[in-house]
């Protein structure tokens, strides 16, 4: 855009500009002026005519001179509103596409760190097992946790992995196709059509299907089928893992998280027995600080504290005895299980194990 020209009493000028950018850095009407001989960054051009209006030695840097005409680089170009709106809507659609793709993929993400590596490990273990190799611990533990036969869990792991792969591949194809189309769209009509495609083809409700809860029932035609020796051993191991987890869950309320708490509990038990045997008094010469502290913290007498400690220990002992009996009975059943129906029944019974309530308690 050529700048306005203002009259000047002289029309012969020397314009000094930068060689690479044509930026004006100096001008003069002195016909004797010569630029420095070593200033190879600038170019001195003769110019005949009127200078741009408002150009002075203090602001000439904002003008460009190409040897023939001046251009005012300081005046902003008029914005192309249609192009600005198109660019804005294009970016809006790209953001919408990313948001919709994220909504579809988010449920596929593992809930813990390094979950992707663990999923690949499970997938490899499932493939290896179905190919006839021994079951790996990670597959056995997963099957035990869900009370599901090892073979069924292997198939389920692979099915879920294939489903995730399919969703990722489909959404990536859509993302690539639509993002390229959005960037190439030349008008608002094309963008509106692409918006409809995003809303219709990248649906946020297309999440990863939730894993179906494995059924603990077996068709009657298969219930009495004897398992192979290898499959039977895997199922027995899976049941033993399930049993261990269940027994540990039942015993967990009596596990202390304080170091050496077993020794403290044992000493409290001794003191409680001594106090109750002595009729509620602490015999002379015995350090009863643990029992005294217990009673003081709870606003109890020594007798009440001793009785509470003994009641807690009795409850713990009964729980241990009950769970040990359950463990022994289930291990015996697991050792003699031969058929699919046996495995299924034992798994269901393990899941229902609970400590019976003492009817003598209020």
Protein backbone atom coordinates (compact mmCIF):
# COMPACT_ATOMS: atom_id res chain seq x y z
CA UNK A 1 0.00 0.00 0.00
CA UNK A 2 1.64 3.27 -1.11
CA UNK A 3 1.78 6.00 1.54
CA UNK A 4 0.50 9.55 1.04
CA UNK A 5 3.09 11.96 -0.36
CA UNK A 6 3.66 15.39 1.18
CA UNK A 7 5.18 18.39 -0.73
CA UNK A 8 8.81 19.25 -0.04
CA UNK A 9 10.85 22.15 -1.28
CA UNK A 10 13.40 19.71 -2.66
CA UNK A 11 12.61 16.68 -4.85
CA UNK A 12 16.02 15.01 -5.05
CA UNK A 13 16.78 12.57 -2.25
CA UNK A 14 19.13 9.81 -1.24
CA UNK A 15 17.26 7.04 0.57
CA UNK A 16 19.32 4.65 2.70
CA UNK A 17 17.58 1.31 3.36
CA UNK A 18 18.49 -2.15 4.62
CA UNK A 19 19.47 -4.52 1.84
CA UNK A 20 17.48 -7.53 3.10
CA UNK A 21 14.31 -5.86 4.35
CA UNK A 22 14.14 -2.55 2.40
CA UNK A 23 13.58 -0.81 5.74
CA UNK A 24 14.39 2.94 5.50
CA UNK A 25 17.03 3.92 8.04
CA UNK A 26 18.08 7.35 6.77
CA UNK A 27 17.34 9.90 4.06
CA UNK A 28 18.90 13.20 3.04
CA UNK A 29 18.75 15.86 0.31
CA UNK A 30 22.51 16.38 0.53
CA UNK A 31 23.83 15.53 -2.95
CA UNK A 32 27.31 15.04 -1.47
CA UNK A 33 26.21 12.33 1.00
CA UNK A 34 27.94 8.96 0.74
CA UNK A 35 27.17 5.96 2.96
CA UNK A 36 30.07 4.38 4.92
CA UNK A 37 32.18 2.27 2.61
CA UNK A 38 32.05 -0.75 4.96
CA UNK A 39 28.27 -0.61 5.54
CA UNK A 40 27.36 -3.55 3.31
CA UNK A 41 24.04 -4.01 5.16
CA UNK A 42 22.55 -0.87 3.61
CA UNK A 43 21.79 0.40 0.14
CA UNK A 44 21.72 4.07 -0.93
CA UNK A 45 19.19 4.83 -3.66
CA UNK A 46 18.59 8.11 -5.43
CA UNK A 47 14.95 9.17 -5.38
CA UNK A 48 13.25 12.05 -7.14
CA UNK A 49 9.89 13.05 -5.86
CA UNK A 50 8.00 13.86 -2.71
CA UNK A 51 8.55 11.94 0.52
CA UNK A 52 5.67 10.15 2.27
CA UNK A 53 3.57 12.41 4.45
CA UNK A 54 4.73 12.32 8.05
CA UNK A 55 8.01 10.51 7.40
CA UNK A 56 10.85 11.98 9.48
CA UNK A 57 14.31 10.86 10.46
CA UNK A 58 12.84 9.70 13.79
CA UNK A 59 10.20 7.40 12.29
CA UNK A 60 11.49 6.51 8.86
CA UNK A 61 12.15 2.93 10.03
CA UNK A 62 8.44 2.13 9.60
CA UNK A 63 8.64 2.71 5.83
CA UNK A 64 9.97 0.33 3.21
CA UNK A 65 11.61 1.57 -0.02
CA UNK A 66 12.18 -0.75 -2.97
CA UNK A 67 14.03 1.80 -5.09
CA UNK A 68 10.90 3.16 -6.70
CA UNK A 69 8.07 3.54 -4.16
CA UNK A 70 7.48 3.74 -0.42
CA UNK A 71 5.29 1.38 1.59
CA UNK A 72 4.07 2.20 5.09
CA UNK A 73 4.66 -0.99 7.08
CA UNK A 74 3.40 0.61 10.28
CA UNK A 75 -0.24 0.76 9.25
CA UNK A 76 -2.09 -2.47 10.08
CA UNK A 77 -3.77 -4.23 7.24
CA UNK A 78 -7.51 -4.41 7.31
CA UNK A 79 -8.48 -7.73 8.81
CA UNK A 80 -10.33 -10.21 6.66
CA UNK A 81 -13.30 -10.87 8.92
CA UNK A 82 -14.52 -13.84 6.93
CA UNK A 83 -11.10 -15.50 7.09
CA UNK A 84 -10.86 -14.78 10.84
CA UNK A 85 -14.29 -16.32 11.48
CA UNK A 86 -13.40 -19.35 9.35
CA UNK A 87 -10.17 -19.88 11.30
CA UNK A 88 -12.02 -19.53 14.62
CA UNK A 89 -14.71 -22.05 13.64
CA UNK A 90 -12.08 -24.41 12.27
CA UNK A 91 -10.26 -24.42 15.61
CA UNK A 92 -13.56 -24.81 17.46
CA UNK A 93 -14.34 -27.95 15.47
CA UNK A 94 -10.85 -29.34 16.07
CA UNK A 95 -11.37 -28.82 19.81
CA UNK A 96 -14.81 -30.45 19.63
CA UNK A 97 -13.38 -33.43 17.76
CA UNK A 98 -10.62 -33.86 20.35
CA UNK A 99 -13.18 -33.64 23.16
CA UNK A 100 -15.45 -36.27 21.61
CA UNK A 101 -12.58 -38.62 20.86
CA UNK A 102 -11.37 -38.20 24.44
CA UNK A 103 -14.86 -39.00 25.78
CA UNK A 104 -14.87 -42.28 23.86
CA UNK A 105 -11.34 -43.27 24.85
CA UNK A 106 -11.34 -42.18 28.49
CA UNK A 107 -13.09 -45.32 29.81
CA UNK A 108 -10.44 -47.43 28.07
CA UNK A 109 -7.65 -45.90 30.18
CA UNK A 110 -6.26 -47.97 33.08
CA UNK A 111 -7.13 -46.70 36.54
CA UNK A 112 -3.60 -47.15 37.90
CA UNK A 113 -0.03 -46.33 36.89
CA UNK A 114 1.61 -48.71 34.39
CA UNK A 115 -1.79 -50.19 33.67
CA UNK A 116 -1.00 -50.49 29.95
CA UNK A 117 2.01 -52.71 30.67
CA UNK A 118 -0.06 -54.89 32.99
CA UNK A 119 -2.80 -55.24 30.38
CA UNK A 120 -0.27 -56.39 27.82
CA UNK A 121 1.13 -58.83 30.37
CA UNK A 122 -2.36 -60.24 30.99
CA UNK A 123 -3.03 -60.48 27.27
CA UNK A 124 0.21 -62.37 26.69
CA UNK A 125 -0.56 -64.67 29.64
CA UNK A 126 -4.07 -65.35 28.31
CA UNK A 127 -2.76 -66.18 24.82
CA UNK A 128 -0.10 -68.45 26.23
CA UNK A 129 -2.59 -70.30 28.45
CA UNK A 130 -5.06 -70.88 25.63
CA UNK A 131 -2.13 -72.12 23.53
CA UNK A 132 -1.51 -74.85 26.09
CA UNK A 133 1.15 -73.29 28.32
CA UNK A 134 0.86 -73.26 32.15
CA UNK A 135 -1.15 -70.43 33.64
CA UNK A 136 0.94 -67.48 34.80
CA UNK A 137 0.41 -66.03 38.31
CA UNK A 138 -1.15 -62.82 37.02
CA UNK A 139 -3.86 -64.75 35.16
CA UNK A 140 -4.48 -67.06 38.11
CA UNK A 141 -4.81 -64.13 40.49
CA UNK A 142 -7.27 -62.36 38.19
CA UNK A 143 -9.38 -65.49 37.79
CA UNK A 144 -9.35 -66.09 41.55
CA UNK A 145 -10.39 -62.53 42.31
CA UNK A 146 -13.37 -62.73 39.96
CA UNK A 147 -14.28 -66.32 40.89
CA UNK A 148 -14.00 -67.32 37.26
CA UNK A 149 -12.43 -70.42 35.67
CA UNK A 150 -8.97 -69.73 34.30
CA UNK A 151 -9.93 -70.56 30.71
CA UNK A 152 -12.98 -68.30 30.91
CA UNK A 153 -10.87 -65.46 32.30
CA UNK A 154 -8.31 -65.92 29.53
CA UNK A 155 -11.02 -65.63 26.89
CA UNK A 156 -12.48 -62.59 28.68
CA UNK A 157 -9.07 -60.85 28.87
CA UNK A 158 -8.55 -61.35 25.13
CA UNK A 159 -12.09 -60.29 24.26
CA UNK A 160 -11.77 -57.05 26.21
CA UNK A 161 -8.35 -56.36 24.68
CA UNK A 162 -9.72 -56.88 21.17
CA UNK A 163 -12.66 -54.60 21.94
CA UNK A 164 -10.34 -51.85 23.15
CA UNK A 165 -8.13 -52.24 20.08
CA UNK A 166 -11.15 -51.97 17.79
CA UNK A 167 -12.43 -48.81 19.48
CA UNK A 168 -8.99 -47.18 19.39
CA UNK A 169 -8.51 -48.03 15.72
CA UNK A 170 -11.97 -46.77 14.76
CA UNK A 171 -11.65 -43.51 16.68
CA UNK A 172 -8.17 -42.88 15.31
CA UNK A 173 -9.40 -43.33 11.74
CA UNK A 174 -12.24 -40.89 12.42
CA UNK A 175 -9.91 -38.42 14.09
CA UNK A 176 -7.45 -38.45 11.19
CA UNK A 177 -10.17 -38.19 8.54
CA UNK A 178 -12.14 -35.42 10.21
CA UNK A 179 -9.17 -33.34 11.36
CA UNK A 180 -7.75 -33.26 7.83
CA UNK A 181 -11.17 -32.37 6.40
CA UNK A 182 -11.59 -29.54 8.94
CA UNK A 183 -8.22 -28.03 8.06
CA UNK A 184 -9.00 -28.20 4.35
CA UNK A 185 -12.51 -26.76 4.62
CA UNK A 186 -12.77 -23.61 2.54
CA UNK A 187 -16.06 -22.14 3.77
CA UNK A 188 -18.60 -22.19 6.57
CA UNK A 189 -20.89 -24.60 4.73
CA UNK A 190 -18.23 -27.29 4.70
CA UNK A 191 -17.52 -26.69 8.39
CA UNK A 192 -21.20 -27.06 9.28
CA UNK A 193 -21.33 -30.42 7.47
CA UNK A 194 -18.21 -31.54 9.33
CA UNK A 195 -19.75 -30.49 12.62
CA UNK A 196 -22.72 -32.74 11.90
CA UNK A 197 -20.35 -35.61 11.15
CA UNK A 198 -18.54 -35.12 14.43
CA UNK A 199 -21.78 -35.10 16.39
CA UNK A 200 -23.18 -38.13 14.59
CA UNK A 201 -20.11 -40.30 14.04
CA UNK A 202 -18.03 -39.61 17.14
CA UNK A 203 -20.67 -40.31 19.78
CA UNK A 204 -19.64 -39.86 23.42
CA UNK A 205 -21.93 -42.67 24.52
CA UNK A 206 -19.88 -45.23 22.59
CA UNK A 207 -17.83 -46.20 25.59
CA UNK A 208 -16.07 -49.43 26.22
CA UNK A 209 -18.72 -52.03 27.06
CA UNK A 210 -18.60 -52.98 30.70
CA UNK A 211 -17.32 -56.50 31.28
CA UNK A 212 -20.19 -58.86 31.78
CA UNK A 213 -20.22 -60.52 35.17
CA UNK A 214 -19.10 -64.09 34.65
CA UNK A 215 -21.84 -66.55 35.31
CA UNK A 216 -21.23 -69.10 38.03
CA UNK A 217 -23.67 -71.49 36.45
CA UNK A 218 -22.65 -74.09 33.94
CA UNK A 219 -24.93 -75.70 31.33
CA UNK A 220 -26.04 -79.13 32.46
CA UNK A 221 -24.38 -80.68 29.42
CA UNK A 222 -21.01 -79.45 30.63
CA UNK A 223 -21.45 -79.56 34.40
CA UNK A 224 -20.45 -83.19 34.74
CA UNK A 225 -17.54 -83.05 32.28
CA UNK A 226 -14.23 -84.04 33.88
CA UNK A 227 -11.42 -81.58 33.28
CA UNK A 228 -8.03 -82.50 31.91
CA UNK A 229 -5.28 -82.95 34.49
CA UNK A 230 -3.60 -79.65 33.54
CA UNK A 231 -6.85 -77.66 33.50
CA UNK A 232 -7.93 -79.25 36.78
CA UNK A 233 -4.67 -78.28 38.47
CA UNK A 234 -5.05 -74.70 37.23
CA UNK A 235 -8.61 -74.51 38.57
CA UNK A 236 -7.56 -75.95 41.93
CA UNK A 237 -4.79 -73.38 42.18
CA UNK A 238 -7.22 -70.64 41.25
CA UNK A 239 -9.62 -71.78 43.99
CA UNK A 240 -6.82 -71.88 46.56
CA UNK A 241 -5.94 -68.30 45.67
CA UNK A 242 -9.58 -67.28 45.95
CA UNK A 243 -9.82 -69.02 49.32
CA UNK A 244 -6.69 -67.31 50.63
CA UNK A 245 -8.02 -63.91 49.60
CA UNK A 246 -11.38 -64.57 51.25
CA UNK A 247 -9.89 -65.86 54.52
CA UNK A 248 -7.54 -62.87 54.64
CA UNK A 249 -10.50 -60.52 54.15
CA UNK A 250 -12.33 -62.14 57.05
CA UNK A 251 -9.28 -61.88 59.32
CA UNK A 252 -8.28 -58.37 58.29
CA UNK A 253 -10.29 -56.54 61.04
CA UNK A 254 -7.92 -58.03 63.61
CA UNK A 255 -4.71 -57.05 61.84
CA UNK A 256 -2.87 -54.15 63.49
CA UNK A 257 -1.01 -51.56 61.45
CA UNK A 258 1.35 -50.73 64.31
CA UNK A 259 4.76 -52.36 64.54
CA UNK A 260 5.25 -54.84 67.42
CA UNK A 261 1.59 -54.49 68.35
CA UNK A 262 1.39 -58.26 68.91
CA UNK A 263 3.81 -57.94 71.83
CA UNK A 264 1.80 -55.06 73.31
CA UNK A 265 -1.43 -57.01 72.97
CA UNK A 266 0.10 -60.07 74.60
CA UNK A 267 1.30 -57.98 77.56
CA UNK A 268 -2.13 -56.36 77.94
CA UNK A 269 -3.68 -59.82 77.96
CA UNK A 270 -1.34 -60.91 80.78
CA UNK A 271 -2.16 -57.82 82.83
CA UNK A 272 -5.91 -58.24 82.24
CA UNK A 273 -5.74 -61.84 83.42
CA UNK A 274 -3.69 -60.85 86.50
CA UNK A 275 -6.04 -58.02 87.49
CA UNK A 276 -9.19 -60.11 87.13
CA UNK A 277 -7.60 -63.01 89.01
CA UNK A 278 -6.65 -60.59 91.82
CA UNK A 279 -10.24 -59.35 92.12
CA UNK A 280 -9.79 -56.14 90.16
CA UNK A 281 -6.64 -54.81 91.79
CA UNK A 282 -3.15 -54.52 90.36
CA UNK A 283 -0.80 -56.66 92.49
CA UNK A 284 2.18 -54.88 94.00
CA UNK A 285 5.45 -55.05 92.15
CA UNK A 286 3.83 -55.42 88.70
CA UNK A 287 4.25 -52.76 86.04
CA UNK A 288 0.67 -52.20 84.92
CA UNK A 289 1.29 -49.02 82.90
CA UNK A 290 -0.12 -50.51 79.68
CA UNK A 291 -3.41 -51.47 81.32
CA UNK A 292 -3.58 -48.21 83.30
CA UNK A 293 -3.06 -46.24 80.08
CA UNK A 294 -5.76 -48.26 78.31
CA UNK A 295 -8.25 -47.63 81.14
CA UNK A 296 -7.43 -43.92 81.48
CA UNK A 297 -7.82 -43.26 77.76
CA UNK A 298 -11.30 -44.75 77.81
CA UNK A 299 -12.46 -43.54 81.23
CA UNK A 300 -12.65 -47.12 82.55
CA UNK A 301 -11.77 -48.81 85.76
CA UNK A 302 -9.04 -51.45 85.73
CA UNK A 303 -11.68 -54.18 85.82
CA UNK A 304 -13.61 -52.72 82.89
CA UNK A 305 -10.41 -52.32 80.89
CA UNK A 306 -9.34 -55.88 81.66
CA UNK A 307 -12.76 -57.24 80.70
CA UNK A 308 -12.75 -55.28 77.43
CA UNK A 309 -9.30 -56.58 76.50
CA UNK A 310 -10.31 -60.15 77.23
CA UNK A 311 -13.52 -59.76 75.21
CA UNK A 312 -11.54 -58.44 72.22
CA UNK A 313 -9.07 -61.31 72.46
CA UNK A 314 -11.89 -63.83 72.73
CA UNK A 315 -13.54 -62.39 69.63
CA UNK A 316 -10.23 -62.55 67.76
CA UNK A 317 -9.59 -66.12 68.86
CA UNK A 318 -13.08 -67.22 67.80
CA UNK A 319 -12.61 -65.56 64.38
CA UNK A 320 -9.28 -67.31 63.87
CA UNK A 321 -10.71 -70.68 64.87
CA UNK A 322 -13.74 -70.22 62.61
CA UNK A 323 -11.74 -69.13 59.58
CA UNK A 324 -9.18 -71.89 60.10
CA UNK A 325 -11.97 -74.44 60.11
CA UNK A 326 -13.37 -72.91 56.90
CA UNK A 327 -9.94 -73.00 55.28
CA UNK A 328 -9.37 -76.66 56.17
CA UNK A 329 -12.80 -77.71 54.90
CA UNK A 330 -12.44 -75.83 51.62
CA UNK A 331 -8.92 -77.05 50.96
CA UNK A 332 -10.18 -80.60 51.37
CA UNK A 333 -13.00 -79.96 48.88
CA UNK A 334 -10.62 -78.31 46.42
CA UNK A 335 -8.24 -81.27 46.59
CA UNK A 336 -11.02 -83.71 45.64
CA UNK A 337 -12.75 -81.57 42.98
CA UNK A 338 -12.83 -83.35 39.63
CA UNK A 339 -15.59 -81.85 37.47
CA UNK A 340 -16.71 -78.45 36.27
CA UNK A 341 -19.72 -78.55 38.59
CA UNK A 342 -17.45 -79.17 41.59
CA UNK A 343 -15.22 -76.22 40.70
CA UNK A 344 -18.19 -73.89 40.21
CA UNK A 345 -19.85 -74.92 43.49
CA UNK A 346 -16.66 -74.50 45.52
CA UNK A 347 -16.01 -71.05 44.02
CA UNK A 348 -19.53 -69.92 44.94
CA UNK A 349 -19.20 -71.29 48.47
CA UNK A 350 -15.87 -69.54 49.00
CA UNK A 351 -17.39 -66.24 47.94
CA UNK A 352 -20.14 -66.69 50.58
CA UNK A 353 -17.84 -67.51 53.49
CA UNK A 354 -18.44 -65.37 56.59
CA UNK A 355 -17.76 -65.58 60.31
CA UNK A 356 -20.87 -66.72 62.20
CA UNK A 357 -22.13 -64.26 64.80
CA UNK A 358 -21.77 -65.29 68.44
CA UNK A 359 -25.37 -65.68 69.62
CA UNK A 360 -24.26 -65.09 73.21
CA UNK A 361 -23.35 -61.49 72.39
CA UNK A 362 -26.04 -58.82 72.74
